[in-house]
N, C-alpha and C. Protein backbone atom coordinates (compact mmCIF):
# COMPACT_ATOMS: atom_id res chain seq x y z
N UNK A 1 -101.69 -70.18 138.44
CA UNK A 1 -102.85 -69.35 138.21
C UNK A 1 -102.81 -68.76 136.82
N UNK A 2 -103.96 -68.46 136.29
CA UNK A 2 -104.06 -67.97 134.93
C UNK A 2 -103.43 -66.59 134.83
N UNK A 3 -102.52 -66.42 133.89
CA UNK A 3 -101.87 -65.13 133.69
C UNK A 3 -100.81 -64.82 134.73
N UNK A 4 -100.43 -65.79 135.56
CA UNK A 4 -99.49 -65.54 136.64
C UNK A 4 -98.07 -65.29 136.15
N UNK A 5 -97.76 -65.67 134.89
CA UNK A 5 -96.42 -65.48 134.37
C UNK A 5 -96.04 -64.01 134.36
N UNK A 6 -97.02 -63.13 134.21
CA UNK A 6 -96.75 -61.71 134.16
C UNK A 6 -96.86 -61.05 135.53
N UNK A 7 -97.21 -61.81 136.55
CA UNK A 7 -97.35 -61.25 137.89
C UNK A 7 -95.97 -60.98 138.48
N UNK A 8 -95.78 -59.77 138.98
CA UNK A 8 -94.48 -59.37 139.52
C UNK A 8 -94.62 -59.05 141.00
N UNK A 9 -93.81 -59.69 141.83
CA UNK A 9 -93.84 -59.51 143.28
C UNK A 9 -92.51 -58.92 143.75
N UNK A 10 -92.60 -57.88 144.58
CA UNK A 10 -91.42 -57.31 145.21
C UNK A 10 -91.34 -57.87 146.63
N UNK A 11 -90.30 -58.65 146.91
CA UNK A 11 -90.12 -59.27 148.23
C UNK A 11 -89.00 -58.56 148.98
N UNK A 12 -89.30 -58.18 150.23
CA UNK A 12 -88.35 -57.40 151.02
C UNK A 12 -88.08 -58.13 152.34
N UNK A 13 -86.80 -58.50 152.58
CA UNK A 13 -86.44 -59.19 153.81
C UNK A 13 -84.93 -59.08 154.02
N UNK A 14 -84.50 -58.70 155.22
CA UNK A 14 -83.07 -58.56 155.48
C UNK A 14 -82.39 -59.90 155.71
N UNK A 15 -83.18 -60.95 155.96
CA UNK A 15 -82.61 -62.30 156.15
C UNK A 15 -82.42 -62.97 154.79
N UNK A 16 -81.19 -63.38 154.52
CA UNK A 16 -80.89 -64.02 153.24
C UNK A 16 -81.70 -65.31 153.07
N UNK A 17 -81.75 -66.11 154.13
CA UNK A 17 -82.46 -67.40 154.07
C UNK A 17 -83.95 -67.18 153.84
N UNK A 18 -84.57 -66.28 154.62
CA UNK A 18 -86.01 -66.03 154.47
C UNK A 18 -86.31 -65.44 153.09
N UNK A 19 -85.42 -64.60 152.61
CA UNK A 19 -85.62 -63.99 151.30
C UNK A 19 -85.59 -65.05 150.20
N UNK A 20 -84.69 -66.01 150.32
CA UNK A 20 -84.60 -67.07 149.32
C UNK A 20 -85.80 -68.01 149.40
N UNK A 21 -86.31 -68.22 150.61
CA UNK A 21 -87.48 -69.10 150.78
C UNK A 21 -88.71 -68.49 150.10
N UNK A 22 -88.99 -67.22 150.40
CA UNK A 22 -90.17 -66.58 149.81
C UNK A 22 -90.00 -66.44 148.30
N UNK A 23 -88.76 -66.19 147.86
CA UNK A 23 -88.50 -66.08 146.41
C UNK A 23 -88.77 -67.41 145.72
N UNK A 24 -88.35 -68.51 146.36
CA UNK A 24 -88.55 -69.84 145.79
C UNK A 24 -90.03 -70.19 145.74
N UNK A 25 -90.75 -69.89 146.80
CA UNK A 25 -92.19 -70.21 146.85
C UNK A 25 -92.96 -69.43 145.79
N UNK A 26 -92.61 -68.19 145.60
CA UNK A 26 -93.29 -67.37 144.60
C UNK A 26 -92.98 -67.86 143.19
N UNK A 27 -91.76 -68.28 142.96
CA UNK A 27 -91.40 -68.79 141.63
C UNK A 27 -92.09 -70.12 141.34
N UNK A 28 -92.28 -70.93 142.39
CA UNK A 28 -93.05 -72.17 142.22
C UNK A 28 -94.46 -71.85 141.73
N UNK A 29 -94.99 -70.71 142.19
CA UNK A 29 -96.33 -70.28 141.78
C UNK A 29 -96.30 -69.47 140.49
N UNK A 30 -95.18 -69.55 139.77
CA UNK A 30 -95.03 -68.93 138.44
C UNK A 30 -95.07 -67.40 138.51
N UNK A 31 -94.57 -66.84 139.59
CA UNK A 31 -94.51 -65.38 139.71
C UNK A 31 -93.10 -64.89 139.41
N UNK A 32 -93.02 -63.71 138.86
CA UNK A 32 -91.73 -63.06 138.69
C UNK A 32 -91.41 -62.35 140.00
N UNK A 33 -90.19 -62.52 140.50
CA UNK A 33 -89.84 -61.99 141.82
C UNK A 33 -88.62 -61.08 141.74
N UNK A 34 -88.72 -59.94 142.41
CA UNK A 34 -87.57 -59.10 142.66
C UNK A 34 -87.38 -59.07 144.17
N UNK A 35 -86.24 -59.55 144.65
CA UNK A 35 -85.97 -59.64 146.08
C UNK A 35 -84.91 -58.62 146.49
N UNK A 36 -85.20 -57.84 147.53
CA UNK A 36 -84.26 -56.86 148.05
C UNK A 36 -84.10 -57.07 149.54
N UNK A 37 -83.01 -56.52 150.11
CA UNK A 37 -82.68 -56.82 151.50
C UNK A 37 -83.02 -55.72 152.50
N UNK A 38 -83.71 -54.67 152.07
CA UNK A 38 -84.06 -53.60 153.00
C UNK A 38 -85.21 -52.75 152.46
N UNK A 39 -85.84 -52.01 153.37
CA UNK A 39 -86.90 -51.09 152.96
C UNK A 39 -86.37 -49.98 152.08
N UNK A 40 -85.14 -49.54 152.35
CA UNK A 40 -84.53 -48.49 151.54
C UNK A 40 -84.34 -48.94 150.11
N UNK A 41 -83.87 -50.17 149.93
CA UNK A 41 -83.69 -50.71 148.58
C UNK A 41 -85.04 -50.86 147.87
N UNK A 42 -86.08 -51.20 148.64
CA UNK A 42 -87.41 -51.33 148.05
C UNK A 42 -87.90 -49.97 147.55
N UNK A 43 -87.67 -48.92 148.34
CA UNK A 43 -88.07 -47.58 147.93
C UNK A 43 -87.28 -47.12 146.71
N UNK A 44 -86.01 -47.49 146.65
CA UNK A 44 -85.19 -47.16 145.48
C UNK A 44 -85.74 -47.84 144.23
N UNK A 45 -86.13 -49.09 144.41
CA UNK A 45 -86.67 -49.83 143.28
C UNK A 45 -87.96 -49.19 142.76
N UNK A 46 -88.78 -48.70 143.69
CA UNK A 46 -90.06 -48.09 143.33
C UNK A 46 -89.90 -46.62 142.92
N UNK A 47 -88.69 -46.08 143.12
CA UNK A 47 -88.47 -44.68 142.79
C UNK A 47 -89.01 -43.74 143.84
N UNK A 48 -89.15 -44.22 145.09
CA UNK A 48 -89.72 -43.41 146.16
C UNK A 48 -88.68 -42.94 147.17
N UNK A 49 -87.40 -43.24 146.93
CA UNK A 49 -86.37 -42.80 147.87
C UNK A 49 -86.23 -41.28 147.80
N UNK A 50 -86.00 -40.67 148.94
CA UNK A 50 -85.94 -39.21 149.01
C UNK A 50 -84.57 -38.67 148.65
N UNK A 51 -83.54 -39.45 148.88
CA UNK A 51 -82.19 -39.00 148.58
C UNK A 51 -81.79 -39.36 147.15
N UNK A 52 -80.89 -38.58 146.59
CA UNK A 52 -80.41 -38.85 145.24
C UNK A 52 -79.62 -40.16 145.22
N UNK A 53 -79.96 -41.03 144.30
CA UNK A 53 -79.29 -42.32 144.22
C UNK A 53 -78.03 -42.25 143.37
N UNK A 54 -77.03 -42.99 143.78
CA UNK A 54 -75.79 -43.05 143.01
C UNK A 54 -75.93 -44.05 141.88
N UNK A 55 -75.00 -44.06 140.99
CA UNK A 55 -75.07 -45.01 139.87
C UNK A 55 -74.97 -46.44 140.36
N UNK A 56 -74.25 -46.65 141.49
CA UNK A 56 -74.13 -48.00 142.03
C UNK A 56 -75.46 -48.50 142.57
N UNK A 57 -76.18 -47.61 143.27
CA UNK A 57 -77.45 -48.03 143.87
C UNK A 57 -78.52 -48.22 142.81
N UNK A 58 -78.33 -47.60 141.65
CA UNK A 58 -79.32 -47.75 140.58
C UNK A 58 -79.17 -49.08 139.85
N UNK A 59 -78.05 -49.73 140.02
CA UNK A 59 -77.77 -50.94 139.26
C UNK A 59 -78.78 -52.04 139.61
N UNK A 60 -79.34 -52.63 138.59
CA UNK A 60 -80.27 -53.73 138.80
C UNK A 60 -81.71 -53.30 138.99
N UNK A 61 -81.98 -52.00 139.03
CA UNK A 61 -83.33 -51.51 139.24
C UNK A 61 -83.88 -50.93 137.94
N UNK A 62 -85.10 -51.28 137.63
CA UNK A 62 -85.73 -50.84 136.38
C UNK A 62 -86.78 -49.80 136.70
N UNK A 63 -86.61 -48.62 136.16
CA UNK A 63 -87.53 -47.53 136.44
C UNK A 63 -88.90 -47.81 135.81
N UNK A 64 -89.96 -47.61 136.60
CA UNK A 64 -91.31 -47.75 136.08
C UNK A 64 -91.78 -49.18 135.91
N UNK A 65 -91.06 -50.15 136.48
CA UNK A 65 -91.46 -51.55 136.34
C UNK A 65 -92.73 -51.81 137.14
N UNK A 66 -93.68 -52.53 136.54
CA UNK A 66 -94.96 -52.79 137.20
C UNK A 66 -94.79 -53.81 138.32
N UNK A 67 -95.42 -53.51 139.46
CA UNK A 67 -95.40 -54.41 140.60
C UNK A 67 -96.84 -54.72 140.99
N UNK A 68 -97.16 -56.01 141.14
CA UNK A 68 -98.52 -56.42 141.47
C UNK A 68 -98.72 -56.70 142.95
N UNK A 69 -97.64 -56.95 143.68
CA UNK A 69 -97.73 -57.24 145.11
C UNK A 69 -96.40 -56.96 145.77
N UNK A 70 -96.46 -56.44 146.99
CA UNK A 70 -95.25 -56.23 147.78
C UNK A 70 -95.40 -57.03 149.07
N UNK A 71 -94.43 -57.88 149.36
CA UNK A 71 -94.43 -58.64 150.59
C UNK A 71 -93.16 -58.31 151.35
N UNK A 72 -93.29 -57.87 152.59
CA UNK A 72 -92.13 -57.38 153.33
C UNK A 72 -92.09 -57.91 154.76
N UNK A 73 -90.89 -58.13 155.24
CA UNK A 73 -90.70 -58.51 156.63
C UNK A 73 -91.00 -57.29 157.51
N UNK A 74 -91.44 -57.55 158.75
CA UNK A 74 -91.75 -56.45 159.66
C UNK A 74 -90.49 -55.92 160.33
N UNK A 75 -89.71 -56.81 160.93
CA UNK A 75 -88.50 -56.41 161.67
C UNK A 75 -87.29 -56.37 160.75
N UNK A 76 -86.87 -55.16 160.40
CA UNK A 76 -85.69 -54.97 159.58
C UNK A 76 -84.92 -53.77 160.10
N UNK A 77 -83.59 -53.80 160.06
CA UNK A 77 -82.80 -52.65 160.52
C UNK A 77 -82.94 -51.47 159.57
N UNK A 78 -82.89 -50.27 160.14
CA UNK A 78 -82.98 -49.07 159.31
C UNK A 78 -84.40 -48.64 159.05
N UNK A 79 -85.18 -49.47 158.43
CA UNK A 79 -86.58 -49.19 158.12
C UNK A 79 -87.40 -50.45 158.32
N UNK A 80 -88.38 -50.40 159.18
CA UNK A 80 -89.21 -51.57 159.43
C UNK A 80 -90.21 -51.76 158.29
N UNK A 81 -90.82 -52.93 158.27
CA UNK A 81 -91.85 -53.19 157.27
C UNK A 81 -93.04 -52.27 157.43
N UNK A 82 -93.33 -51.90 158.67
CA UNK A 82 -94.44 -50.97 158.93
C UNK A 82 -94.14 -49.60 158.34
N UNK A 83 -92.91 -49.13 158.50
CA UNK A 83 -92.52 -47.83 157.94
C UNK A 83 -92.54 -47.88 156.42
N UNK A 84 -92.11 -48.99 155.85
CA UNK A 84 -92.16 -49.15 154.40
C UNK A 84 -93.60 -49.14 153.91
N UNK A 85 -94.47 -49.82 154.64
CA UNK A 85 -95.90 -49.83 154.31
C UNK A 85 -96.46 -48.42 154.27
N UNK A 86 -96.14 -47.61 155.26
CA UNK A 86 -96.63 -46.23 155.31
C UNK A 86 -96.14 -45.42 154.12
N UNK A 87 -94.88 -45.61 153.76
CA UNK A 87 -94.32 -44.88 152.61
C UNK A 87 -95.07 -45.25 151.32
N UNK A 88 -95.36 -46.53 151.17
CA UNK A 88 -96.05 -46.99 149.96
C UNK A 88 -97.47 -46.46 149.91
N UNK A 89 -98.17 -46.48 151.03
CA UNK A 89 -99.56 -46.02 151.08
C UNK A 89 -99.67 -44.50 150.96
N UNK A 90 -98.57 -43.80 151.22
CA UNK A 90 -98.56 -42.34 151.04
C UNK A 90 -98.31 -41.96 149.58
N UNK A 91 -97.89 -42.92 148.77
CA UNK A 91 -97.59 -42.66 147.37
C UNK A 91 -98.85 -42.74 146.52
N UNK A 92 -99.09 -41.74 145.71
CA UNK A 92 -100.26 -41.76 144.82
C UNK A 92 -100.10 -42.78 143.71
N UNK A 93 -98.86 -43.16 143.43
CA UNK A 93 -98.59 -44.11 142.35
C UNK A 93 -98.73 -45.55 142.80
N UNK A 94 -98.29 -45.85 144.02
CA UNK A 94 -98.20 -47.25 144.47
C UNK A 94 -99.16 -47.62 145.60
N UNK A 95 -99.98 -46.69 146.07
CA UNK A 95 -100.81 -46.98 147.25
C UNK A 95 -101.86 -48.07 147.00
N UNK A 96 -102.21 -48.31 145.74
CA UNK A 96 -103.19 -49.35 145.44
C UNK A 96 -102.57 -50.75 145.36
N UNK A 97 -101.25 -50.83 145.39
CA UNK A 97 -100.59 -52.14 145.33
C UNK A 97 -100.80 -52.86 146.66
N UNK A 98 -101.27 -54.11 146.64
CA UNK A 98 -101.45 -54.86 147.89
C UNK A 98 -100.10 -55.06 148.59
N UNK A 99 -100.07 -54.82 149.89
CA UNK A 99 -98.86 -55.02 150.68
C UNK A 99 -99.15 -56.05 151.77
N UNK A 100 -98.30 -57.06 151.85
CA UNK A 100 -98.44 -58.12 152.84
C UNK A 100 -97.23 -58.08 153.77
N UNK A 101 -97.50 -58.13 155.07
CA UNK A 101 -96.44 -58.07 156.07
C UNK A 101 -96.13 -59.48 156.58
N UNK A 102 -94.84 -59.78 156.75
CA UNK A 102 -94.40 -61.05 157.33
C UNK A 102 -93.70 -60.78 158.66
N UNK A 103 -93.84 -61.71 159.60
CA UNK A 103 -93.14 -61.59 160.87
C UNK A 103 -93.02 -62.95 161.54
N UNK A 104 -91.93 -63.15 162.26
CA UNK A 104 -91.76 -64.39 163.00
C UNK A 104 -92.47 -64.34 164.35
N UNK A 105 -93.00 -63.15 164.70
CA UNK A 105 -93.70 -62.97 165.97
C UNK A 105 -95.17 -62.66 165.72
N UNK A 106 -96.02 -63.39 166.41
CA UNK A 106 -97.46 -63.21 166.25
C UNK A 106 -97.96 -62.27 167.35
N UNK A 107 -97.71 -60.97 167.15
CA UNK A 107 -98.07 -59.95 168.13
C UNK A 107 -99.31 -59.21 167.63
N UNK A 108 -100.43 -59.35 168.34
CA UNK A 108 -101.70 -58.81 167.87
C UNK A 108 -101.69 -57.28 167.67
N UNK A 109 -101.15 -56.49 168.60
CA UNK A 109 -101.11 -55.03 168.36
C UNK A 109 -100.35 -54.67 167.09
N UNK A 110 -99.28 -55.42 166.83
CA UNK A 110 -98.49 -55.18 165.62
C UNK A 110 -99.33 -55.51 164.37
N UNK A 111 -100.04 -56.62 164.42
CA UNK A 111 -100.89 -57.03 163.30
C UNK A 111 -101.97 -55.99 163.06
N UNK A 112 -102.64 -55.56 164.14
CA UNK A 112 -103.71 -54.57 164.02
C UNK A 112 -103.19 -53.26 163.44
N UNK A 113 -102.00 -52.84 163.87
CA UNK A 113 -101.44 -51.59 163.39
C UNK A 113 -101.16 -51.65 161.89
N UNK A 114 -100.64 -52.77 161.43
CA UNK A 114 -100.36 -52.92 160.00
C UNK A 114 -101.64 -52.94 159.18
N UNK A 115 -102.66 -53.65 159.67
CA UNK A 115 -103.93 -53.71 158.95
C UNK A 115 -104.60 -52.34 158.93
N UNK A 116 -104.47 -51.59 160.04
CA UNK A 116 -105.03 -50.24 160.09
C UNK A 116 -104.37 -49.33 159.08
N UNK A 117 -103.09 -49.54 158.84
CA UNK A 117 -102.34 -48.70 157.91
C UNK A 117 -102.60 -49.08 156.46
N UNK A 118 -103.27 -50.23 156.23
CA UNK A 118 -103.63 -50.59 154.86
C UNK A 118 -103.03 -51.88 154.35
N UNK A 119 -102.34 -52.63 155.22
CA UNK A 119 -101.79 -53.92 154.78
C UNK A 119 -102.92 -54.87 154.40
N UNK A 120 -102.70 -55.65 153.37
CA UNK A 120 -103.72 -56.58 152.89
C UNK A 120 -103.79 -57.83 153.76
N UNK A 121 -102.64 -58.23 154.30
CA UNK A 121 -102.61 -59.46 155.10
C UNK A 121 -101.36 -59.44 155.96
N UNK A 122 -101.34 -60.34 156.96
CA UNK A 122 -100.20 -60.47 157.86
C UNK A 122 -99.89 -61.95 157.98
N UNK A 123 -98.67 -62.34 157.60
CA UNK A 123 -98.29 -63.75 157.59
C UNK A 123 -97.23 -64.01 158.66
N UNK A 124 -97.45 -65.04 159.46
CA UNK A 124 -96.48 -65.43 160.48
C UNK A 124 -95.48 -66.41 159.85
N UNK A 125 -94.20 -66.12 159.99
CA UNK A 125 -93.14 -66.98 159.45
C UNK A 125 -93.06 -68.28 160.25
N UNK A 126 -92.56 -69.34 159.64
CA UNK A 126 -92.05 -69.42 158.27
C UNK A 126 -93.18 -69.42 157.23
N UNK A 127 -92.94 -68.73 156.13
CA UNK A 127 -93.92 -68.65 155.05
C UNK A 127 -94.03 -70.01 154.37
N UNK A 128 -95.26 -70.43 154.14
CA UNK A 128 -95.52 -71.73 153.51
C UNK A 128 -96.15 -71.54 152.13
N UNK A 129 -96.15 -72.61 151.37
CA UNK A 129 -96.74 -72.55 150.04
C UNK A 129 -98.22 -72.20 150.10
N UNK A 130 -98.89 -72.67 151.14
CA UNK A 130 -100.32 -72.35 151.30
C UNK A 130 -100.52 -70.85 151.51
N UNK A 131 -99.56 -70.18 152.17
CA UNK A 131 -99.64 -68.73 152.34
C UNK A 131 -99.53 -68.01 151.01
N UNK A 132 -98.60 -68.49 150.19
CA UNK A 132 -98.39 -67.87 148.88
C UNK A 132 -99.63 -68.05 148.01
N UNK A 133 -100.25 -69.22 148.11
CA UNK A 133 -101.47 -69.46 147.33
C UNK A 133 -102.57 -68.49 147.73
N UNK A 134 -102.60 -68.15 149.04
CA UNK A 134 -103.62 -67.20 149.50
C UNK A 134 -103.37 -65.80 148.93
N UNK A 135 -102.13 -65.51 148.63
CA UNK A 135 -101.78 -64.20 148.09
C UNK A 135 -102.24 -64.02 146.65
N UNK A 136 -102.52 -65.12 145.97
CA UNK A 136 -102.90 -65.04 144.56
C UNK A 136 -104.16 -64.20 144.36
N UNK A 137 -105.08 -64.31 145.31
CA UNK A 137 -106.31 -63.52 145.20
C UNK A 137 -106.04 -62.04 145.23
N UNK A 138 -105.11 -61.60 146.07
CA UNK A 138 -104.77 -60.17 146.13
C UNK A 138 -104.12 -59.72 144.84
N UNK A 139 -103.26 -60.57 144.28
CA UNK A 139 -102.58 -60.21 143.04
C UNK A 139 -103.56 -60.13 141.88
N UNK A 140 -104.51 -61.07 141.84
CA UNK A 140 -105.53 -61.06 140.78
C UNK A 140 -106.41 -59.83 140.88
N UNK A 141 -106.82 -59.48 142.12
CA UNK A 141 -107.66 -58.31 142.32
C UNK A 141 -106.95 -57.04 141.88
N UNK A 142 -105.67 -56.96 142.17
CA UNK A 142 -104.90 -55.77 141.79
C UNK A 142 -104.78 -55.66 140.28
N UNK A 143 -104.55 -56.79 139.61
CA UNK A 143 -104.40 -56.78 138.15
C UNK A 143 -105.72 -56.49 137.45
N UNK A 144 -106.83 -56.92 138.07
CA UNK A 144 -108.15 -56.69 137.48
C UNK A 144 -108.74 -55.35 137.86
N UNK A 145 -108.03 -54.61 138.72
CA UNK A 145 -108.54 -53.31 139.14
C UNK A 145 -109.64 -53.42 140.17
N UNK A 146 -109.74 -54.55 140.86
CA UNK A 146 -110.77 -54.74 141.87
C UNK A 146 -110.23 -54.39 143.24
N UNK A 147 -111.13 -54.01 144.12
CA UNK A 147 -110.73 -53.68 145.47
C UNK A 147 -111.01 -54.87 146.36
N UNK A 148 -109.99 -55.35 147.07
CA UNK A 148 -110.16 -56.49 147.95
C UNK A 148 -110.84 -56.13 149.24
N UNK A 149 -111.14 -57.13 150.05
CA UNK A 149 -111.78 -56.90 151.35
C UNK A 149 -110.78 -56.24 152.28
N UNK A 150 -111.19 -55.14 152.86
CA UNK A 150 -110.35 -54.45 153.81
C UNK A 150 -110.74 -54.86 155.22
N UNK A 151 -109.86 -55.57 155.91
CA UNK A 151 -110.19 -56.11 157.22
C UNK A 151 -110.46 -55.01 158.22
N UNK A 152 -109.81 -53.86 158.06
CA UNK A 152 -110.01 -52.76 158.98
C UNK A 152 -111.43 -52.24 158.90
N UNK A 153 -111.97 -52.09 157.68
CA UNK A 153 -113.34 -51.60 157.52
C UNK A 153 -114.35 -52.61 158.05
N UNK A 154 -114.11 -53.88 157.79
CA UNK A 154 -115.02 -54.90 158.29
C UNK A 154 -115.05 -54.88 159.80
N UNK A 155 -113.88 -54.72 160.43
CA UNK A 155 -113.79 -54.68 161.89
C UNK A 155 -114.54 -53.49 162.44
N UNK A 156 -114.40 -52.33 161.80
CA UNK A 156 -115.07 -51.13 162.27
C UNK A 156 -116.58 -51.25 162.18
N UNK A 157 -117.09 -51.84 161.10
CA UNK A 157 -118.53 -52.03 160.93
C UNK A 157 -119.07 -52.92 162.02
N UNK A 158 -118.33 -53.99 162.33
CA UNK A 158 -118.77 -54.91 163.38
C UNK A 158 -118.83 -54.20 164.71
N UNK A 159 -117.86 -53.31 164.98
CA UNK A 159 -117.83 -52.60 166.24
C UNK A 159 -119.01 -51.65 166.37
N UNK A 160 -119.29 -50.88 165.30
CA UNK A 160 -120.40 -49.94 165.33
C UNK A 160 -121.72 -50.67 165.48
N UNK A 161 -121.86 -51.79 164.77
CA UNK A 161 -123.11 -52.53 164.82
C UNK A 161 -123.39 -53.06 166.21
N UNK A 162 -122.37 -53.59 166.89
CA UNK A 162 -122.57 -54.17 168.20
C UNK A 162 -122.85 -53.12 169.25
N UNK A 163 -122.39 -51.87 169.02
CA UNK A 163 -122.58 -50.83 170.02
C UNK A 163 -123.86 -50.04 169.80
N UNK A 164 -124.51 -50.20 168.66
CA UNK A 164 -125.72 -49.44 168.38
C UNK A 164 -126.78 -50.33 167.77
N UNK A 165 -127.79 -50.77 168.56
CA UNK A 165 -128.84 -51.64 168.04
C UNK A 165 -129.63 -50.98 166.92
N UNK A 166 -129.78 -49.63 167.01
CA UNK A 166 -130.55 -48.95 165.97
C UNK A 166 -129.86 -49.05 164.62
N UNK A 167 -128.53 -48.81 164.63
CA UNK A 167 -127.76 -48.91 163.38
C UNK A 167 -127.79 -50.34 162.87
N UNK A 168 -127.67 -51.31 163.78
CA UNK A 168 -127.71 -52.71 163.39
C UNK A 168 -129.04 -53.05 162.75
N UNK A 169 -130.16 -52.54 163.33
CA UNK A 169 -131.48 -52.82 162.77
C UNK A 169 -131.63 -52.19 161.40
N UNK A 170 -131.11 -50.96 161.24
CA UNK A 170 -131.20 -50.28 159.95
C UNK A 170 -130.42 -51.02 158.89
N UNK A 171 -129.20 -51.48 159.28
CA UNK A 171 -128.39 -52.23 158.32
C UNK A 171 -129.07 -53.53 157.95
N UNK A 172 -129.68 -54.20 158.94
CA UNK A 172 -130.34 -55.47 158.67
C UNK A 172 -131.52 -55.28 157.74
N UNK A 173 -132.34 -54.22 158.00
CA UNK A 173 -133.50 -53.96 157.15
C UNK A 173 -133.07 -53.62 155.73
N UNK A 174 -132.00 -52.78 155.61
CA UNK A 174 -131.51 -52.42 154.28
C UNK A 174 -131.03 -53.65 153.54
N UNK A 175 -130.34 -54.54 154.28
CA UNK A 175 -129.84 -55.75 153.65
C UNK A 175 -130.97 -56.62 153.14
N UNK A 176 -132.06 -56.72 153.93
CA UNK A 176 -133.19 -57.55 153.53
C UNK A 176 -133.87 -56.99 152.30
N UNK A 177 -134.07 -55.65 152.31
CA UNK A 177 -134.81 -55.03 151.21
C UNK A 177 -134.00 -54.98 149.93
N UNK A 178 -132.66 -54.87 150.07
CA UNK A 178 -131.83 -54.74 148.86
C UNK A 178 -131.31 -56.08 148.35
N UNK A 179 -131.42 -57.12 149.16
CA UNK A 179 -130.89 -58.42 148.75
C UNK A 179 -131.89 -59.16 147.89
N UNK A 180 -131.37 -60.23 147.27
CA UNK A 180 -132.24 -61.06 146.44
C UNK A 180 -132.85 -62.15 147.30
N UNK A 181 -133.56 -61.76 148.36
CA UNK A 181 -134.17 -62.73 149.26
C UNK A 181 -135.41 -63.32 148.61
N UNK A 182 -135.82 -64.51 149.01
CA UNK A 182 -137.03 -65.11 148.48
C UNK A 182 -138.24 -64.23 148.81
N UNK A 183 -139.27 -64.22 147.97
CA UNK A 183 -140.45 -63.38 148.19
C UNK A 183 -141.09 -63.63 149.55
N UNK A 184 -141.03 -64.86 150.06
CA UNK A 184 -141.67 -65.17 151.33
C UNK A 184 -141.03 -64.41 152.48
N UNK A 185 -139.72 -64.27 152.46
CA UNK A 185 -139.02 -63.55 153.52
C UNK A 185 -139.38 -62.07 153.48
N UNK A 186 -139.39 -61.50 152.28
CA UNK A 186 -139.75 -60.10 152.14
C UNK A 186 -141.20 -59.87 152.56
N UNK A 187 -142.09 -60.81 152.20
CA UNK A 187 -143.50 -60.71 152.54
C UNK A 187 -143.68 -60.75 154.05
N UNK A 188 -142.97 -61.65 154.73
CA UNK A 188 -143.09 -61.77 156.18
C UNK A 188 -142.55 -60.52 156.87
N UNK A 189 -141.52 -59.92 156.28
CA UNK A 189 -140.97 -58.68 156.85
C UNK A 189 -141.99 -57.56 156.79
N UNK A 190 -142.66 -57.43 155.63
CA UNK A 190 -143.69 -56.40 155.48
C UNK A 190 -144.83 -56.64 156.45
N UNK A 191 -145.27 -57.89 156.57
CA UNK A 191 -146.36 -58.24 157.49
C UNK A 191 -145.98 -57.89 158.92
N UNK A 192 -144.73 -58.14 159.28
CA UNK A 192 -144.25 -57.86 160.64
C UNK A 192 -144.41 -56.38 160.96
N UNK A 193 -143.95 -55.52 160.04
CA UNK A 193 -144.04 -54.08 160.28
C UNK A 193 -145.49 -53.59 160.26
N UNK A 194 -146.34 -54.18 159.42
CA UNK A 194 -147.76 -53.80 159.40
C UNK A 194 -148.41 -54.13 160.73
N UNK A 195 -148.11 -55.30 161.28
CA UNK A 195 -148.67 -55.71 162.57
C UNK A 195 -148.22 -54.77 163.67
N UNK A 196 -146.92 -54.42 163.68
CA UNK A 196 -146.39 -53.50 164.70
C UNK A 196 -147.09 -52.15 164.63
N UNK A 197 -147.23 -51.62 163.41
CA UNK A 197 -147.89 -50.32 163.23
C UNK A 197 -149.34 -50.39 163.68
N UNK A 198 -150.02 -51.50 163.34
CA UNK A 198 -151.43 -51.67 163.73
C UNK A 198 -151.59 -51.70 165.25
N UNK A 199 -150.72 -52.41 165.93
CA UNK A 199 -150.77 -52.49 167.39
C UNK A 199 -150.53 -51.13 168.01
N UNK A 200 -149.53 -50.40 167.50
CA UNK A 200 -149.25 -49.06 168.04
C UNK A 200 -150.42 -48.12 167.82
N UNK A 201 -151.06 -48.19 166.65
CA UNK A 201 -152.21 -47.34 166.37
C UNK A 201 -153.38 -47.69 167.29
N UNK A 202 -153.56 -48.99 167.54
CA UNK A 202 -154.65 -49.43 168.40
C UNK A 202 -154.44 -48.94 169.84
N UNK A 203 -153.20 -49.04 170.31
CA UNK A 203 -152.90 -48.57 171.67
C UNK A 203 -153.10 -47.08 171.79
N UNK A 204 -152.69 -46.33 170.78
CA UNK A 204 -152.86 -44.87 170.80
C UNK A 204 -154.34 -44.51 170.83
N UNK A 205 -155.15 -45.21 170.02
CA UNK A 205 -156.59 -44.94 169.97
C UNK A 205 -157.24 -45.26 171.31
N UNK A 206 -156.80 -46.35 171.93
CA UNK A 206 -157.37 -46.76 173.22
C UNK A 206 -157.06 -45.74 174.30
N UNK A 207 -155.83 -45.23 174.32
CA UNK A 207 -155.45 -44.23 175.32
C UNK A 207 -156.26 -42.95 175.15
N UNK A 208 -156.40 -42.49 173.91
CA UNK A 208 -157.15 -41.26 173.63
C UNK A 208 -158.61 -41.44 173.99
N UNK A 209 -159.19 -42.61 173.65
CA UNK A 209 -160.61 -42.86 173.94
C UNK A 209 -160.85 -42.91 175.45
N UNK A 210 -159.92 -43.52 176.21
CA UNK A 210 -160.06 -43.63 177.66
C UNK A 210 -160.00 -42.27 178.32
N UNK A 211 -159.11 -41.40 177.86
CA UNK A 211 -158.98 -40.08 178.44
C UNK A 211 -160.23 -39.22 178.19
N UNK A 212 -160.81 -39.36 177.03
CA UNK A 212 -161.98 -38.54 176.68
C UNK A 212 -163.23 -38.98 177.42
N UNK A 213 -163.29 -40.23 177.81
CA UNK A 213 -164.51 -40.75 178.43
C UNK A 213 -164.23 -41.24 179.85
């Protein structure tokens, strides 16, 4: 991808094999990778650890280093990927960084919980090159300062729309009027509402006339 040489990914996984796989796939995509074996080490790298770090724990970590994407395993001892996600999203410095969760288990409540907390995506292991390619869009959006599609918001809108026909109609009408629809569609929409109003006015007049006479 264009400009990918400067893209930096923080990969978090307690499994040595899985960590090496994701690191290799990211490097194939010309990304710079920092791989750590726990959520605690990830927080240390980002400078978000609450406890004072020793000189040994500081070794290999660069303060203030830019990170474009964080990809973390869900099941890890000590701190889960979900807990790490929450820590990152609570940070005013790093909350805009896209976070992707990995797991060997495809558990829907777990996926929903991570997406609700702000995860950009959820990948079922083993991670494939096609998965990494999908992550490029999130990294590009982050570098360009763009906001990606939030699945949680899309889901909520769909739920509200299906439960309230009035809201759905209002959203549909707003979409028609604000979109770049062909003039014929807009014209037919206006005609539709004119006809409805005319029929309602005619019925009202008929009722009033009948009552008076």
